[in-house]
Amino acid sequence: MRAEATTPPLPDEEVVSPIFLKLGGSLLTDKTAVEAVRPAVVTRLAGEIAQARQARPGLRLLLGHGSGSFGHVAAARHGTRQGVSSPAQWHGLAEVSDAAARLNRLVVATLLAADVPALSLQPSASAHCANGRIQHLAHEPVEAALAAGLLPVVYGDVAFDSSQGGTIISTEEIMSFLAARLRPSWFLLAGETEGVLNEAGQTIRLITRANLAAVAAALGGSRGADVTGGMRSKVESMLQLVDSFPGLRIRIFSGLTAGLLADLLHQPELGPGTVIAA
């Protein structure tokens, strides 16, 4: 009797290791303006995520996005990153939270319209910080969403802080904290540029501790309001992350190149941009 054909098991990466994807606030919005979204970019990226999920049914993806000209503008106005104590500052924290959530609702609605089952998970609902550093953030809802085949979506948000009242936690900080629990195989960061650029405007293909000093001069700040630091801060935090998890690889690439996100979600090891590795 002929045995029935069975579907081969998915590779371990598909079953165990998720991919983390961060869409930069400068990619989704115009950070030189106030709450100026780029609807065509958001719609295209949502479509590419949908395309990747169809091409790779086993894909487990955690999406995070920056606050761009929504949360960053409000946070800079109120100084929320530096701490919160007065009634006016607490009111400002609430305004920052609302601004960040407005962009998140738009991103999630666009994903749902592209037939991606996106589920927003508000970081401030469970985050606790001390001296601006995350001490606790619920990871169980993210794991449950991934297990259910959903696309969990987190974003830069406010947080209560035992030392300074309140603060801002960036998308990278949130996803880096979750990396310790979820152990992603890749962390993809989509921005406006083709990667980390040197002083001649060329893409630096690989950054490690060994060549950080050589490329440090090229790492500038951020265009427009950014209360969580620019490229230098991002590269240094990503190096700390790969130091902690040597198997993790990080790729910084342009989200403005049509089709590139879909390709990288299918084969993150191949493609342009800057790789950060241990």
Protein backbone atom coordinates (compact mmCIF):
# COMPACT_ATOMS: atom_id res chain seq x y z
CA MET A 1 0.00 0.00 0.00
CA ARG A 2 1.48 3.33 -1.09
CA ALA A 3 2.17 5.75 1.72
CA GLU A 4 0.36 9.06 1.52
CA ALA A 5 2.48 12.05 0.61
CA THR A 6 3.26 14.27 3.56
CA THR A 7 4.37 17.87 3.70
CA PRO A 8 8.06 18.07 4.69
CA PRO A 9 8.70 19.78 8.02
CA LEU A 10 9.66 23.44 7.92
CA PRO A 11 13.28 24.33 8.68
CA ASP A 12 14.03 25.09 12.33
CA GLU A 13 14.30 28.80 11.60
CA GLU A 14 10.72 28.84 10.34
CA VAL A 15 9.44 26.99 13.40
CA VAL A 16 11.50 28.58 16.16
CA SER A 17 13.27 31.80 15.24
CA PRO A 18 11.21 34.82 14.28
CA ILE A 19 12.41 37.75 12.22
CA PHE A 20 12.24 41.19 13.77
CA LEU A 21 11.44 44.04 11.38
CA LYS A 22 11.63 47.70 12.31
CA LEU A 23 10.18 50.35 9.99
CA GLY A 24 11.83 53.65 10.80
CA GLY A 25 9.81 56.71 11.67
CA SER A 26 11.72 58.70 9.04
CA LEU A 27 10.60 56.13 6.46
CA LEU A 28 6.91 56.21 7.36
CA THR A 29 6.68 59.95 8.00
CA ASP A 30 8.32 63.24 7.13
CA LYS A 31 10.18 63.96 10.36
CA THR A 32 10.82 67.58 9.37
CA ALA A 33 7.07 68.27 9.58
CA VAL A 34 4.39 67.57 12.20
CA GLU A 35 2.39 64.32 11.92
CA ALA A 36 3.08 64.08 8.21
CA VAL A 37 2.63 60.45 7.14
CA ARG A 38 3.82 59.06 3.79
CA PRO A 39 0.72 57.06 2.82
CA ALA A 40 2.15 55.65 -0.42
CA VAL A 41 5.21 54.29 1.41
CA VAL A 42 3.14 52.79 4.23
CA THR A 43 0.76 51.14 1.75
CA ARG A 44 3.59 49.68 -0.36
CA LEU A 45 5.43 48.28 2.66
CA ALA A 46 2.23 46.68 3.96
CA GLY A 47 1.78 45.06 0.56
CA GLU A 48 5.33 43.72 0.61
CA ILE A 49 4.79 42.21 4.07
CA ALA A 50 1.64 40.55 2.74
CA GLN A 51 3.57 39.26 -0.27
CA ALA A 52 6.31 37.80 1.95
CA ARG A 53 3.79 36.06 4.20
CA GLN A 54 2.14 34.46 1.17
CA ALA A 55 5.48 33.33 -0.27
CA ARG A 56 6.71 32.03 3.08
CA PRO A 57 3.74 30.68 5.08
CA GLY A 58 5.94 29.68 8.02
CA LEU A 59 7.26 33.21 8.48
CA ARG A 60 7.07 34.38 12.09
CA LEU A 61 7.46 38.13 12.09
CA LEU A 62 7.45 40.77 14.81
CA LEU A 63 6.98 44.28 13.42
CA GLY A 64 8.01 47.44 15.21
CA HIS A 65 7.82 50.97 13.87
CA GLY A 66 9.14 54.34 14.92
CA SER A 67 7.01 57.33 15.86
CA GLY A 68 8.49 59.71 13.32
CA SER A 69 6.86 63.11 13.13
CA PHE A 70 4.10 61.92 15.48
CA GLY A 71 5.60 60.86 18.82
CA HIS A 72 9.04 62.43 18.43
CA VAL A 73 7.70 65.93 17.85
CA ALA A 74 5.46 65.76 20.91
CA ALA A 75 8.20 64.17 23.04
CA ALA A 76 10.72 66.85 22.06
CA ARG A 77 8.21 69.56 22.95
CA HIS A 78 7.57 68.14 26.42
CA GLY A 79 11.05 66.75 27.20
CA THR A 80 9.50 63.40 28.13
CA ARG A 81 12.67 61.36 27.53
CA GLN A 82 14.46 63.19 30.36
CA GLY A 83 11.83 62.45 32.98
CA VAL A 84 8.34 63.37 34.16
CA SER A 85 7.29 64.89 37.49
CA SER A 86 5.06 67.97 37.22
CA PRO A 87 1.37 67.90 36.24
CA ALA A 88 2.24 69.63 32.98
CA GLN A 89 4.86 66.98 32.19
CA TRP A 90 2.42 64.15 32.97
CA HIS A 91 -0.09 65.77 30.62
CA GLY A 92 2.68 65.92 28.05
CA LEU A 93 3.42 62.20 28.52
CA ALA A 94 -0.24 61.45 27.79
CA GLU A 95 -0.04 63.59 24.63
CA VAL A 96 3.08 61.74 23.47
CA SER A 97 1.38 58.39 24.04
CA ASP A 98 -1.64 59.50 22.04
CA ALA A 99 0.51 60.81 19.16
CA ALA A 100 2.51 57.56 18.94
CA ALA A 101 -0.69 55.51 19.05
CA ARG A 102 -2.23 57.56 16.23
CA LEU A 103 0.54 56.53 13.86
CA ASN A 104 0.33 52.95 15.11
CA ARG A 105 -3.39 52.79 14.37
CA LEU A 106 -2.74 54.03 10.85
CA VAL A 107 0.01 51.44 10.26
CA VAL A 108 -2.11 48.58 11.62
CA ALA A 109 -5.16 49.64 9.59
CA THR A 110 -3.03 49.70 6.43
CA LEU A 111 -1.71 46.20 7.17
CA LEU A 112 -5.22 44.87 7.76
CA ALA A 113 -6.34 46.42 4.47
CA ALA A 114 -3.50 44.45 2.80
CA ASP A 115 -4.93 41.24 4.35
CA VAL A 116 -2.21 41.01 7.00
CA PRO A 117 -3.65 40.02 10.43
CA ALA A 118 -1.81 42.74 12.35
CA LEU A 119 -2.36 43.07 16.09
CA SER A 120 -1.21 46.19 17.94
CA LEU A 121 0.48 45.55 21.30
CA GLN A 122 0.90 48.80 23.23
CA PRO A 123 4.30 48.78 24.99
CA SER A 124 3.31 51.29 27.70
CA ALA A 125 0.60 48.90 28.93
CA SER A 126 3.25 46.66 30.52
CA ALA A 127 6.61 48.44 30.35
CA HIS A 128 8.44 49.43 33.53
CA CYS A 129 11.75 51.30 33.43
CA ALA A 130 14.46 52.46 35.82
CA ASN A 131 16.76 55.32 34.82
CA GLY A 132 15.37 55.15 31.30
CA ARG A 133 16.11 51.44 30.83
CA ILE A 134 13.44 48.78 30.39
CA GLN A 135 13.22 46.43 33.35
CA HIS A 136 10.02 44.63 32.40
CA LEU A 137 7.92 44.31 29.26
CA ALA A 138 5.34 41.60 28.70
CA HIS A 139 6.55 39.16 26.06
CA GLU A 140 3.81 36.55 26.46
CA PRO A 141 1.29 38.43 24.23
CA VAL A 142 3.91 38.64 21.47
CA GLU A 143 4.59 34.90 21.69
CA ALA A 144 0.86 34.14 21.70
CA ALA A 145 0.29 36.33 18.65
CA LEU A 146 3.11 34.63 16.75
CA ALA A 147 1.77 31.20 17.68
CA ALA A 148 -1.67 32.21 16.38
CA GLY A 149 -0.26 33.27 13.00
CA LEU A 150 -0.79 36.97 13.68
CA LEU A 151 1.59 39.84 13.04
CA PRO A 152 2.27 41.50 16.42
CA VAL A 153 3.06 45.20 16.06
CA VAL A 154 4.92 47.25 18.68
CA TYR A 155 6.11 50.84 18.49
CA GLY A 156 8.10 53.52 20.29
CA ASP A 157 6.06 54.62 23.28
CA VAL A 158 6.08 56.21 26.72
CA ALA A 159 6.74 54.20 29.89
CA PHE A 160 6.57 54.62 33.64
CA ASP A 161 9.99 54.89 35.27
CA SER A 162 10.71 54.16 38.94
CA SER A 163 13.60 56.66 38.96
CA GLN A 164 12.35 59.55 36.83
CA GLY A 165 8.58 59.17 36.76
CA GLY A 166 8.18 58.62 33.06
CA THR A 167 10.29 58.32 29.93
CA ILE A 168 10.35 57.33 26.26
CA ILE A 169 11.27 53.82 25.11
CA SER A 170 12.38 53.55 21.52
CA THR A 171 11.33 50.82 19.12
CA GLU A 172 14.89 49.46 19.09
CA GLU A 173 14.95 49.32 22.90
CA ILE A 174 11.63 47.48 22.97
CA MET A 175 12.65 44.99 20.31
CA SER A 176 16.09 44.49 21.84
CA PHE A 177 14.46 43.64 25.18
CA LEU A 178 12.12 41.18 23.46
CA ALA A 179 15.05 39.61 21.59
CA ALA A 180 16.28 38.07 24.84
CA ARG A 181 12.98 36.19 25.12
CA LEU A 182 12.18 35.45 21.48
CA ARG A 183 15.72 34.94 20.07
CA PRO A 184 15.21 36.24 16.51
CA SER A 185 17.47 35.02 13.72
CA TRP A 186 17.50 38.40 11.96
CA PHE A 187 16.73 41.98 12.92
CA LEU A 188 15.91 44.02 9.80
CA LEU A 189 15.90 47.81 10.08
CA ALA A 190 14.31 49.67 7.18
CA GLY A 191 15.05 53.38 6.86
CA GLU A 192 15.53 56.06 4.25
CA THR A 193 19.13 55.26 3.33
CA GLU A 194 20.65 52.18 1.69
CA GLY A 195 22.44 51.34 4.92
CA VAL A 196 25.04 52.99 7.11
CA LEU A 197 26.95 55.35 4.84
CA ASN A 198 30.61 56.34 5.06
CA GLU A 199 31.84 59.90 4.64
CA ALA A 200 31.91 59.42 0.86
CA GLY A 201 28.25 58.44 0.85
CA GLN A 202 28.96 54.76 0.15
CA THR A 203 27.29 51.92 2.00
CA ILE A 204 29.38 50.25 4.69
CA ARG A 205 28.73 46.58 4.03
CA LEU A 206 29.71 45.20 7.46
CA ILE A 207 30.09 46.71 10.93
CA THR A 208 31.61 44.79 13.82
CA ARG A 209 33.43 45.80 16.98
CA ALA A 210 36.65 45.44 15.00
CA ASN A 211 35.88 48.25 12.54
CA LEU A 212 33.58 50.45 14.64
CA ALA A 213 36.29 52.99 15.40
CA ALA A 214 37.06 53.33 11.69
CA VAL A 215 33.45 54.05 10.73
CA ALA A 216 32.42 56.04 13.81
CA ALA A 217 33.16 59.40 12.19
CA ALA A 218 30.57 58.71 9.51
CA LEU A 219 27.78 58.04 12.02
CA GLY A 220 25.84 61.26 12.27
CA GLY A 221 22.62 62.24 13.95
CA SER A 222 19.09 62.11 12.64
CA ARG A 223 17.21 64.30 10.19
CA GLY A 224 14.33 66.01 11.95
CA ALA A 225 13.17 65.45 15.53
CA ASP A 226 14.46 62.27 17.16
CA VAL A 227 14.51 62.10 20.96
CA THR A 228 16.02 58.59 21.00
CA GLY A 229 19.22 59.32 19.09
CA GLY A 230 20.29 59.04 15.47
CA MET A 231 22.30 56.50 13.49
CA ARG A 232 25.23 56.46 15.92
CA SER A 233 22.95 55.49 18.78
CA LYS A 234 21.24 52.81 16.68
CA VAL A 235 24.51 51.22 15.54
CA GLU A 236 25.94 51.15 19.06
CA SER A 237 22.76 49.60 20.49
CA MET A 238 22.70 47.00 17.70
CA LEU A 239 26.32 46.08 18.39
CA GLN A 240 25.44 45.55 22.04
CA LEU A 241 22.61 43.30 20.91
CA VAL A 242 24.76 41.08 18.68
CA ASP A 243 27.37 40.93 21.42
CA SER A 244 24.69 39.43 23.66
CA PHE A 245 23.36 37.05 20.98
CA PRO A 246 26.23 36.13 18.61
CA GLY A 247 23.94 34.14 16.29
CA LEU A 248 21.82 37.20 15.62
CA ARG A 249 22.46 39.22 12.48
CA ILE A 250 21.20 42.71 11.75
CA ARG A 251 20.66 44.36 8.39
CA ILE A 252 20.07 48.08 7.85
CA PHE A 253 18.59 48.81 4.42
CA SER A 254 16.43 51.19 2.44
CA GLY A 255 12.69 50.80 2.74
CA LEU A 256 12.32 53.18 -0.21
CA THR A 257 13.53 50.54 -2.69
CA ALA A 258 10.39 48.88 -4.03
CA GLY A 259 10.36 45.11 -3.57
CA LEU A 260 13.44 44.95 -1.34
CA LEU A 261 11.55 44.35 1.90
CA ALA A 262 9.64 41.42 0.40
CA ASP A 263 12.91 39.93 -0.86
CA LEU A 264 14.67 40.30 2.50
CA LEU A 265 11.80 38.77 4.43
CA HIS A 266 12.15 35.76 2.14
CA GLN A 267 15.98 35.63 2.19
CA PRO A 268 17.36 38.05 4.80
CA GLU A 269 20.90 36.80 4.31
CA LEU A 270 20.95 38.10 0.74
CA GLY A 271 20.65 41.67 -0.34
CA PRO A 272 22.08 45.17 -0.08
CA GLY A 273 22.54 47.30 2.99
CA THR A 274 24.74 47.15 6.08
CA VAL A 275 25.08 43.99 8.15
CA ILE A 276 25.95 44.31 11.85
CA ALA A 277 27.37 41.15 13.36
CA ALA A 278 29.41 39.97 16.33
